[in-house]
Amino acid sequence: MIPIVFFLNCHESIDHLFFTCPVARVVWACVAQCFGANDIPVNLEREVHVWGVAAICWAMWKARNKSCFDKKLIKKPVEIVCHAGALMKF
């Protein structure tokens, strides 16, 4: 299995980081599958469950920072989903 890495990009935007980069797309696909949804959000402009989206975005942000600054690779994007779930449970 090839680890998935967030890349630090000088043109990085909020939409790219949280919705359109390959890691984010896999994370949202996992979440959508868990809830039986057939679409993945592409930005923060649609009405969603705020706490869930916030937890997922926070988990992606933390994973991105670990990848960029600590050089810790993300082996499975589902780890981000699990981290978000733990945040919501806490």
N, C-alpha and C. Protein backbone atom coordinates (compact mmCIF):
# COMPACT_ATOMS: atom_id res chain seq x y z
N MET A 1 0.84 -1.17 0.00
CA MET A 1 0.00 0.00 0.00
C MET A 1 0.89 1.24 0.00
N ILE A 2 0.55 2.21 -0.84
CA ILE A 2 1.31 3.45 -0.91
C ILE A 2 0.68 4.46 0.04
N PRO A 3 1.47 5.05 0.96
CA PRO A 3 0.91 6.04 1.87
C PRO A 3 0.44 7.27 1.10
N ILE A 4 -0.63 7.88 1.57
CA ILE A 4 -1.14 9.10 0.96
C ILE A 4 -0.57 10.28 1.72
N VAL A 5 -0.11 11.27 0.99
CA VAL A 5 0.56 12.41 1.59
C VAL A 5 -0.14 13.70 1.21
N PHE A 6 -0.31 14.59 2.18
CA PHE A 6 -0.74 15.94 1.86
C PHE A 6 0.52 16.69 1.42
N PHE A 7 0.43 17.45 0.38
CA PHE A 7 1.56 18.23 -0.07
C PHE A 7 1.33 19.69 0.26
N LEU A 8 2.35 20.35 0.80
CA LEU A 8 2.27 21.77 1.07
C LEU A 8 2.36 22.49 -0.26
N ASN A 9 1.36 23.28 -0.56
CA ASN A 9 1.26 23.93 -1.85
C ASN A 9 1.08 25.42 -1.61
N CYS A 10 1.90 26.24 -2.26
CA CYS A 10 1.79 27.68 -2.04
C CYS A 10 0.47 28.23 -2.56
N HIS A 11 -0.23 27.49 -3.40
CA HIS A 11 -1.52 27.92 -3.92
C HIS A 11 -2.67 27.20 -3.21
N GLU A 12 -2.41 26.66 -2.06
CA GLU A 12 -3.41 25.90 -1.33
C GLU A 12 -4.54 26.83 -0.90
N SER A 13 -5.76 26.38 -1.12
CA SER A 13 -6.93 27.14 -0.70
C SER A 13 -7.73 26.28 0.29
N ILE A 14 -8.68 26.90 0.93
CA ILE A 14 -9.53 26.17 1.86
C ILE A 14 -10.29 25.07 1.13
N ASP A 15 -10.86 25.41 -0.03
CA ASP A 15 -11.61 24.42 -0.80
C ASP A 15 -10.71 23.26 -1.21
N HIS A 16 -9.48 23.56 -1.62
CA HIS A 16 -8.56 22.48 -2.01
C HIS A 16 -8.23 21.60 -0.82
N LEU A 17 -7.82 22.22 0.27
CA LEU A 17 -7.39 21.46 1.45
C LEU A 17 -8.49 20.55 1.98
N PHE A 18 -9.70 21.09 2.11
CA PHE A 18 -10.77 20.35 2.76
C PHE A 18 -11.70 19.58 1.83
N PHE A 19 -11.67 19.86 0.53
CA PHE A 19 -12.66 19.23 -0.34
C PHE A 19 -12.13 18.64 -1.64
N THR A 20 -11.13 19.24 -2.27
CA THR A 20 -10.76 18.78 -3.61
C THR A 20 -9.43 18.06 -3.71
N CYS A 21 -8.59 18.13 -2.67
CA CYS A 21 -7.33 17.38 -2.76
C CYS A 21 -7.65 15.88 -2.67
N PRO A 22 -6.79 15.04 -3.20
CA PRO A 22 -7.08 13.60 -3.23
C PRO A 22 -7.39 12.98 -1.86
N VAL A 23 -6.67 13.40 -0.84
CA VAL A 23 -6.92 12.84 0.50
C VAL A 23 -8.30 13.25 0.99
N ALA A 24 -8.64 14.51 0.82
CA ALA A 24 -9.95 14.99 1.27
C ALA A 24 -11.07 14.28 0.53
N ARG A 25 -10.91 14.06 -0.75
CA ARG A 25 -11.95 13.37 -1.53
C ARG A 25 -12.17 11.95 -1.02
N VAL A 26 -11.09 11.26 -0.65
CA VAL A 26 -11.23 9.90 -0.10
C VAL A 26 -11.93 9.96 1.26
N VAL A 27 -11.54 10.92 2.09
CA VAL A 27 -12.17 11.05 3.41
C VAL A 27 -13.67 11.30 3.26
N TRP A 28 -14.06 12.25 2.40
CA TRP A 28 -15.48 12.55 2.22
C TRP A 28 -16.22 11.38 1.60
N ALA A 29 -15.56 10.63 0.73
CA ALA A 29 -16.20 9.44 0.15
C ALA A 29 -16.48 8.40 1.23
N CYS A 30 -15.53 8.23 2.16
CA CYS A 30 -15.74 7.29 3.28
C CYS A 30 -16.92 7.74 4.14
N VAL A 31 -16.97 9.04 4.45
CA VAL A 31 -18.06 9.57 5.26
C VAL A 31 -19.39 9.42 4.54
N ALA A 32 -19.40 9.74 3.24
CA ALA A 32 -20.64 9.63 2.46
C ALA A 32 -21.13 8.18 2.43
N GLN A 33 -20.21 7.25 2.28
CA GLN A 33 -20.58 5.84 2.25
C GLN A 33 -21.18 5.41 3.59
N CYS A 34 -20.62 5.90 4.69
CA CYS A 34 -21.14 5.56 6.01
C CYS A 34 -22.58 6.01 6.20
N PHE A 35 -22.93 7.14 5.58
CA PHE A 35 -24.27 7.69 5.74
C PHE A 35 -25.18 7.40 4.56
N GLY A 36 -24.69 6.64 3.60
CA GLY A 36 -25.50 6.30 2.45
C GLY A 36 -25.74 7.46 1.51
N ALA A 37 -24.87 8.46 1.57
CA ALA A 37 -25.00 9.62 0.68
C ALA A 37 -24.35 9.30 -0.65
N ASN A 38 -24.78 10.00 -1.68
CA ASN A 38 -24.19 9.75 -2.99
C ASN A 38 -23.40 10.93 -3.52
N ASP A 39 -23.19 11.95 -2.68
CA ASP A 39 -22.39 13.08 -3.14
C ASP A 39 -21.41 13.50 -2.05
N ILE A 40 -20.37 14.17 -2.49
CA ILE A 40 -19.31 14.64 -1.62
C ILE A 40 -19.37 16.16 -1.63
N PRO A 41 -19.31 16.82 -0.47
CA PRO A 41 -19.35 18.28 -0.50
C PRO A 41 -18.13 18.85 -1.22
N VAL A 42 -18.33 19.99 -1.86
CA VAL A 42 -17.22 20.63 -2.58
C VAL A 42 -16.83 21.96 -1.95
N ASN A 43 -17.58 22.41 -0.97
CA ASN A 43 -17.25 23.65 -0.26
C ASN A 43 -18.10 23.74 1.00
N LEU A 44 -17.97 24.84 1.71
CA LEU A 44 -18.71 25.01 2.96
C LEU A 44 -20.01 25.79 2.78
N GLU A 45 -20.44 25.98 1.55
CA GLU A 45 -21.60 26.82 1.28
C GLU A 45 -22.93 26.07 1.33
N ARG A 46 -22.93 24.78 1.54
CA ARG A 46 -24.20 24.07 1.62
C ARG A 46 -24.53 23.73 3.06
N GLU A 47 -25.82 23.55 3.32
CA GLU A 47 -26.26 23.27 4.67
C GLU A 47 -25.91 21.83 5.03
N VAL A 48 -25.17 21.67 6.10
CA VAL A 48 -24.73 20.35 6.54
C VAL A 48 -24.76 20.33 8.07
N HIS A 49 -24.47 19.20 8.61
CA HIS A 49 -24.36 19.09 10.06
C HIS A 49 -23.04 19.70 10.48
N VAL A 50 -23.11 20.86 11.08
CA VAL A 50 -21.93 21.67 11.35
C VAL A 50 -20.91 20.95 12.22
N TRP A 51 -21.34 20.26 13.25
CA TRP A 51 -20.39 19.61 14.15
C TRP A 51 -19.61 18.52 13.44
N GLY A 52 -20.28 17.74 12.61
CA GLY A 52 -19.60 16.69 11.88
C GLY A 52 -18.60 17.23 10.89
N VAL A 53 -19.00 18.23 10.15
CA VAL A 53 -18.08 18.84 9.17
C VAL A 53 -16.90 19.48 9.87
N ALA A 54 -17.16 20.17 10.98
CA ALA A 54 -16.07 20.80 11.74
C ALA A 54 -15.08 19.75 12.24
N ALA A 55 -15.58 18.64 12.76
CA ALA A 55 -14.69 17.59 13.26
C ALA A 55 -13.87 16.98 12.13
N ILE A 56 -14.49 16.76 10.98
CA ILE A 56 -13.77 16.18 9.85
C ILE A 56 -12.72 17.16 9.34
N CYS A 57 -13.08 18.42 9.20
CA CYS A 57 -12.12 19.43 8.74
C CYS A 57 -10.96 19.57 9.73
N TRP A 58 -11.26 19.56 11.02
CA TRP A 58 -10.21 19.66 12.04
C TRP A 58 -9.27 18.45 11.95
N ALA A 59 -9.82 17.27 11.79
CA ALA A 59 -9.00 16.07 11.68
C ALA A 59 -8.13 16.12 10.42
N MET A 60 -8.69 16.63 9.31
CA MET A 60 -7.88 16.78 8.09
C MET A 60 -6.77 17.81 8.29
N TRP A 61 -7.10 18.91 8.96
CA TRP A 61 -6.10 19.94 9.22
C TRP A 61 -4.94 19.38 10.07
N LYS A 62 -5.29 18.65 11.12
CA LYS A 62 -4.25 18.06 11.97
C LYS A 62 -3.40 17.06 11.19
N ALA A 63 -4.04 16.22 10.36
CA ALA A 63 -3.30 15.23 9.56
C ALA A 63 -2.40 15.93 8.55
N ARG A 64 -2.90 16.99 7.93
CA ARG A 64 -2.11 17.76 6.97
C ARG A 64 -0.88 18.36 7.64
N ASN A 65 -1.06 18.93 8.84
CA ASN A 65 0.07 19.51 9.55
C ASN A 65 1.10 18.46 9.94
N LYS A 66 0.65 17.30 10.39
CA LYS A 66 1.58 16.23 10.72
C LYS A 66 2.36 15.80 9.48
N SER A 67 1.68 15.73 8.36
CA SER A 67 2.32 15.32 7.12
C SER A 67 3.32 16.37 6.65
N CYS A 68 2.92 17.63 6.66
CA CYS A 68 3.78 18.71 6.13
C CYS A 68 4.94 19.05 7.05
N PHE A 69 4.68 19.12 8.34
CA PHE A 69 5.69 19.63 9.25
C PHE A 69 6.44 18.56 10.03
N ASP A 70 5.78 17.44 10.32
CA ASP A 70 6.42 16.37 11.07
C ASP A 70 6.83 15.21 10.18
N LYS A 71 6.51 15.30 8.89
CA LYS A 71 6.83 14.26 7.90
C LYS A 71 6.22 12.90 8.27
N LYS A 72 5.06 12.92 8.94
CA LYS A 72 4.36 11.68 9.28
C LYS A 72 3.33 11.38 8.20
N LEU A 73 3.49 10.26 7.54
CA LEU A 73 2.61 9.91 6.43
C LEU A 73 1.28 9.36 6.93
N ILE A 74 0.27 9.59 6.14
CA ILE A 74 -1.05 9.04 6.43
C ILE A 74 -1.15 7.73 5.67
N LYS A 75 -1.22 6.63 6.40
CA LYS A 75 -1.27 5.32 5.76
C LYS A 75 -2.65 5.03 5.20
N LYS A 76 -3.68 5.48 5.91
CA LYS A 76 -5.06 5.23 5.48
C LYS A 76 -5.90 6.46 5.78
N PRO A 77 -6.59 7.02 4.78
CA PRO A 77 -7.44 8.18 5.05
C PRO A 77 -8.54 7.90 6.07
N VAL A 78 -8.91 6.64 6.23
CA VAL A 78 -9.94 6.31 7.22
C VAL A 78 -9.47 6.68 8.63
N GLU A 79 -8.15 6.81 8.83
CA GLU A 79 -7.64 7.27 10.12
C GLU A 79 -8.16 8.67 10.44
N ILE A 80 -8.31 9.49 9.41
CA ILE A 80 -8.84 10.84 9.59
C ILE A 80 -10.31 10.76 10.01
N VAL A 81 -11.05 9.88 9.40
CA VAL A 81 -12.46 9.69 9.75
C VAL A 81 -12.58 9.21 11.19
N CYS A 82 -11.73 8.29 11.59
CA CYS A 82 -11.74 7.78 12.98
C CYS A 82 -11.40 8.89 13.97
N HIS A 83 -10.42 9.73 13.61
CA HIS A 83 -10.04 10.86 14.47
C HIS A 83 -11.23 11.81 14.61
N ALA A 84 -11.92 12.10 13.52
CA ALA A 84 -13.10 12.97 13.56
C ALA A 84 -14.18 12.37 14.46
N GLY A 85 -14.39 11.07 14.34
CA GLY A 85 -15.38 10.39 15.18
C GLY A 85 -15.01 10.48 16.66
N ALA A 86 -13.74 10.32 16.96
CA ALA A 86 -13.29 10.44 18.35
C ALA A 86 -13.50 11.85 18.87
N LEU A 87 -13.25 12.84 18.02
CA LEU A 87 -13.49 14.23 18.43
C LEU A 87 -14.97 14.46 18.75
N MET A 88 -15.84 13.95 17.91
CA MET A 88 -17.27 14.15 18.14
C MET A 88 -17.74 13.41 19.38
N LYS A 89 -17.17 12.23 19.62
CA LYS A 89 -17.55 11.47 20.83
C LYS A 89 -17.09 12.19 22.08
N PHE A 90 -15.88 12.81 22.01
CA PHE A 90 -15.33 13.53 23.15
C PHE A 90 -16.21 14.72 23.47
